[in-house]
């Protein structure tokens, strides 16, 4: 069993704001990898192993911009 946190955003938030939050999160991921084991397993290689919610359009923009394949579950809009 694994547990990894994530960001969540209301659909009403501007795409640019969410894009910047996701970008900042990934650009600073190493700073969050202290002695706690869960953040050490977070990577762009594993980000979509178990998608459980659709991504905000701003997040989709970020992941497409860095050439990540987004699973259908991440693209489905509510």
N, C-alpha and C. Protein backbone atom coordinates (compact mmCIF):
# COMPACT_ATOMS: atom_id res chain seq x y z
N UNK A 1 0.84 -1.17 0.00
CA UNK A 1 0.00 0.00 0.00
C UNK A 1 0.89 1.24 0.00
N UNK A 2 0.51 2.24 -0.78
CA UNK A 2 1.29 3.47 -0.86
C UNK A 2 0.37 4.66 -0.74
N UNK A 3 0.93 5.74 -0.29
CA UNK A 3 0.18 6.98 -0.20
C UNK A 3 1.09 8.11 -0.63
N UNK A 4 0.64 8.87 -1.58
CA UNK A 4 1.41 10.00 -2.06
C UNK A 4 0.46 11.18 -2.19
N UNK A 5 0.90 12.32 -1.75
CA UNK A 5 0.06 13.51 -1.81
C UNK A 5 0.08 14.13 -3.18
N UNK A 6 -0.76 15.10 -3.36
CA UNK A 6 -0.82 15.79 -4.63
C UNK A 6 -1.43 17.16 -4.44
N UNK A 7 -1.46 17.90 -5.50
CA UNK A 7 -2.10 19.20 -5.48
C UNK A 7 -3.53 19.05 -5.98
N UNK A 8 -4.41 19.84 -5.46
CA UNK A 8 -5.76 19.87 -6.01
C UNK A 8 -6.15 21.33 -6.21
N UNK A 9 -6.99 21.55 -7.21
CA UNK A 9 -7.38 22.92 -7.53
C UNK A 9 -8.82 22.94 -8.01
N UNK A 10 -9.52 23.98 -7.66
CA UNK A 10 -10.88 24.16 -8.17
C UNK A 10 -10.82 24.43 -9.66
N UNK A 11 -11.81 23.98 -10.37
CA UNK A 11 -11.86 24.17 -11.82
C UNK A 11 -11.87 25.65 -12.19
N UNK A 12 -12.35 26.51 -11.30
CA UNK A 12 -12.45 27.93 -11.60
C UNK A 12 -11.12 28.66 -11.56
N UNK A 13 -10.09 28.03 -10.99
CA UNK A 13 -8.80 28.70 -10.94
C UNK A 13 -8.26 28.88 -12.35
N UNK A 14 -7.61 30.00 -12.60
CA UNK A 14 -7.07 30.24 -13.93
C UNK A 14 -6.01 29.20 -14.32
N UNK A 15 -6.01 28.83 -15.60
CA UNK A 15 -5.05 27.84 -16.11
C UNK A 15 -3.62 28.25 -15.80
N UNK A 16 -3.33 29.53 -15.97
CA UNK A 16 -1.96 30.01 -15.75
C UNK A 16 -1.54 29.82 -14.30
N UNK A 17 -2.43 30.08 -13.36
CA UNK A 17 -2.09 29.93 -11.94
C UNK A 17 -1.79 28.47 -11.61
N UNK A 18 -2.61 27.56 -12.10
CA UNK A 18 -2.39 26.14 -11.82
C UNK A 18 -1.13 25.66 -12.51
N UNK A 19 -0.91 26.09 -13.73
CA UNK A 19 0.33 25.75 -14.45
C UNK A 19 1.55 26.16 -13.61
N UNK A 20 1.55 27.38 -13.11
CA UNK A 20 2.69 27.87 -12.32
C UNK A 20 2.85 27.09 -11.01
N UNK A 21 1.74 26.70 -10.38
CA UNK A 21 1.83 25.91 -9.14
C UNK A 21 2.44 24.54 -9.41
N UNK A 22 1.97 23.87 -10.47
CA UNK A 22 2.49 22.54 -10.79
C UNK A 22 3.96 22.64 -11.18
N UNK A 23 4.29 23.63 -11.98
CA UNK A 23 5.68 23.83 -12.40
C UNK A 23 6.58 24.07 -11.18
N UNK A 24 6.17 24.96 -10.29
CA UNK A 24 6.97 25.26 -9.10
C UNK A 24 7.12 24.02 -8.22
N UNK A 25 6.05 23.25 -8.12
CA UNK A 25 6.10 22.04 -7.31
C UNK A 25 7.16 21.07 -7.84
N UNK A 26 7.16 20.83 -9.15
CA UNK A 26 8.14 19.90 -9.72
C UNK A 26 9.54 20.48 -9.75
N UNK A 27 9.68 21.76 -9.97
CA UNK A 27 11.01 22.37 -9.99
C UNK A 27 11.66 22.37 -8.61
N UNK A 28 10.84 22.24 -7.57
CA UNK A 28 11.36 22.26 -6.20
C UNK A 28 11.15 20.93 -5.47
N UNK A 29 10.88 19.88 -6.20
CA UNK A 29 10.58 18.59 -5.58
C UNK A 29 11.73 18.09 -4.71
N UNK A 30 12.96 18.32 -5.12
CA UNK A 30 14.10 17.84 -4.33
C UNK A 30 14.19 18.52 -2.97
N UNK A 31 13.74 19.75 -2.86
CA UNK A 31 13.76 20.47 -1.58
C UNK A 31 12.80 19.86 -0.58
N UNK A 32 11.78 19.14 -1.06
CA UNK A 32 10.80 18.52 -0.16
C UNK A 32 11.21 17.10 0.23
N UNK A 33 12.30 16.60 -0.30
CA UNK A 33 12.70 15.22 -0.03
C UNK A 33 13.65 15.17 1.16
N UNK A 34 13.07 15.26 2.34
CA UNK A 34 13.84 15.17 3.57
C UNK A 34 13.85 13.74 4.08
N UNK A 35 13.79 13.55 5.40
CA UNK A 35 13.86 12.21 5.97
C UNK A 35 12.58 11.38 5.84
N UNK A 36 11.49 11.99 5.41
CA UNK A 36 10.22 11.25 5.28
C UNK A 36 10.27 10.45 3.99
N UNK A 37 9.95 9.14 4.03
CA UNK A 37 10.13 8.30 2.84
C UNK A 37 9.20 8.57 1.67
N UNK A 38 7.97 8.99 1.90
CA UNK A 38 7.02 9.12 0.79
C UNK A 38 7.49 10.14 -0.25
N UNK A 39 7.89 11.37 0.13
CA UNK A 39 8.33 12.30 -0.91
C UNK A 39 9.53 11.82 -1.71
N UNK A 40 10.33 10.94 -1.14
CA UNK A 40 11.49 10.42 -1.86
C UNK A 40 11.07 9.57 -3.05
N UNK A 41 9.86 9.02 -3.04
CA UNK A 41 9.38 8.18 -4.13
C UNK A 41 8.64 8.96 -5.20
N UNK A 42 8.42 10.23 -4.98
CA UNK A 42 7.68 11.04 -5.94
C UNK A 42 8.62 11.44 -7.07
N UNK A 43 8.19 11.16 -8.30
CA UNK A 43 8.99 11.55 -9.46
C UNK A 43 8.07 11.71 -10.67
N UNK A 44 8.57 12.36 -11.68
CA UNK A 44 7.81 12.49 -12.91
C UNK A 44 7.62 11.16 -13.60
N UNK A 45 8.46 10.18 -13.27
CA UNK A 45 8.31 8.84 -13.85
C UNK A 45 7.15 8.08 -13.24
N UNK A 46 6.73 8.45 -12.03
CA UNK A 46 5.67 7.72 -11.34
C UNK A 46 4.41 8.55 -11.10
N UNK A 47 4.40 9.78 -11.57
CA UNK A 47 3.31 10.70 -11.26
C UNK A 47 1.94 10.18 -11.71
N UNK A 48 1.89 9.39 -12.77
CA UNK A 48 0.60 8.92 -13.28
C UNK A 48 0.38 7.43 -13.08
N UNK A 49 1.03 6.82 -12.09
CA UNK A 49 0.84 5.39 -11.86
C UNK A 49 -0.57 5.02 -11.46
N UNK A 50 -1.22 5.87 -10.70
CA UNK A 50 -2.57 5.57 -10.22
C UNK A 50 -3.41 6.84 -10.22
N UNK A 51 -3.74 7.38 -11.39
CA UNK A 51 -4.51 8.62 -11.41
C UNK A 51 -5.92 8.39 -10.87
N UNK A 52 -6.36 9.29 -10.01
CA UNK A 52 -7.69 9.10 -9.41
C UNK A 52 -8.61 10.30 -9.61
N UNK A 53 -8.15 11.26 -10.41
CA UNK A 53 -8.98 12.43 -10.66
C UNK A 53 -8.51 13.09 -11.95
N UNK A 54 -9.41 13.77 -12.63
CA UNK A 54 -8.98 14.49 -13.83
C UNK A 54 -8.09 15.67 -13.47
N UNK A 55 -7.17 15.97 -14.35
CA UNK A 55 -6.27 17.09 -14.13
C UNK A 55 -6.91 18.41 -14.54
N UNK A 56 -6.51 19.46 -13.87
CA UNK A 56 -6.92 20.81 -14.23
C UNK A 56 -6.24 21.13 -15.57
N UNK A 57 -6.89 21.91 -16.43
CA UNK A 57 -6.28 22.27 -17.72
C UNK A 57 -4.89 22.89 -17.58
N UNK A 58 -4.63 23.61 -16.50
CA UNK A 58 -3.30 24.19 -16.29
C UNK A 58 -2.26 23.11 -16.03
N UNK A 59 -2.64 22.05 -15.31
CA UNK A 59 -1.73 20.93 -15.06
C UNK A 59 -1.49 20.16 -16.36
N UNK A 60 -2.55 19.97 -17.14
CA UNK A 60 -2.40 19.30 -18.43
C UNK A 60 -1.40 20.07 -19.29
N UNK A 61 -1.52 21.37 -19.29
CA UNK A 61 -0.57 22.21 -20.07
C UNK A 61 0.86 21.96 -19.62
N UNK A 62 1.09 21.90 -18.31
CA UNK A 62 2.45 21.68 -17.80
C UNK A 62 2.98 20.31 -18.24
N UNK A 63 2.21 19.26 -17.98
CA UNK A 63 2.70 17.92 -18.28
C UNK A 63 2.89 17.70 -19.78
N UNK A 64 2.04 18.26 -20.59
CA UNK A 64 2.24 18.16 -22.05
C UNK A 64 3.48 18.94 -22.47
N UNK A 65 3.72 20.05 -21.81
CA UNK A 65 4.89 20.87 -22.13
C UNK A 65 6.21 20.19 -21.83
N UNK A 66 6.19 19.22 -20.91
CA UNK A 66 7.42 18.48 -20.62
C UNK A 66 7.33 17.07 -21.20
N UNK A 67 6.43 16.89 -22.16
CA UNK A 67 6.29 15.63 -22.92
C UNK A 67 5.94 14.42 -22.07
N UNK A 68 5.04 14.59 -21.12
CA UNK A 68 4.53 13.45 -20.33
C UNK A 68 3.25 12.95 -20.97
N UNK A 69 3.13 11.65 -21.09
CA UNK A 69 1.89 11.04 -21.56
C UNK A 69 0.91 11.01 -20.41
N UNK A 70 -0.22 11.63 -20.59
CA UNK A 70 -1.24 11.70 -19.55
C UNK A 70 -2.27 10.61 -19.82
N UNK A 71 -2.54 9.75 -18.83
CA UNK A 71 -3.55 8.71 -19.04
C UNK A 71 -4.94 9.30 -19.21
N UNK A 72 -5.83 8.54 -19.84
CA UNK A 72 -7.20 9.00 -20.08
C UNK A 72 -7.87 9.48 -18.80
N UNK A 73 -7.65 8.78 -17.69
CA UNK A 73 -8.28 9.19 -16.43
C UNK A 73 -7.88 10.61 -16.03
N UNK A 74 -6.69 11.03 -16.41
CA UNK A 74 -6.23 12.38 -16.09
C UNK A 74 -6.81 13.43 -17.01
N UNK A 75 -7.30 13.00 -18.18
CA UNK A 75 -7.84 13.93 -19.16
C UNK A 75 -9.35 14.09 -19.07
N UNK A 76 -10.03 13.14 -18.44
CA UNK A 76 -11.49 13.17 -18.36
C UNK A 76 -11.93 14.41 -17.58
N UNK A 77 -12.86 15.12 -18.13
CA UNK A 77 -13.37 16.32 -17.46
C UNK A 77 -14.68 15.97 -16.76
N UNK A 78 -14.86 16.50 -15.54
CA UNK A 78 -16.08 16.18 -14.79
C UNK A 78 -17.34 16.67 -15.47
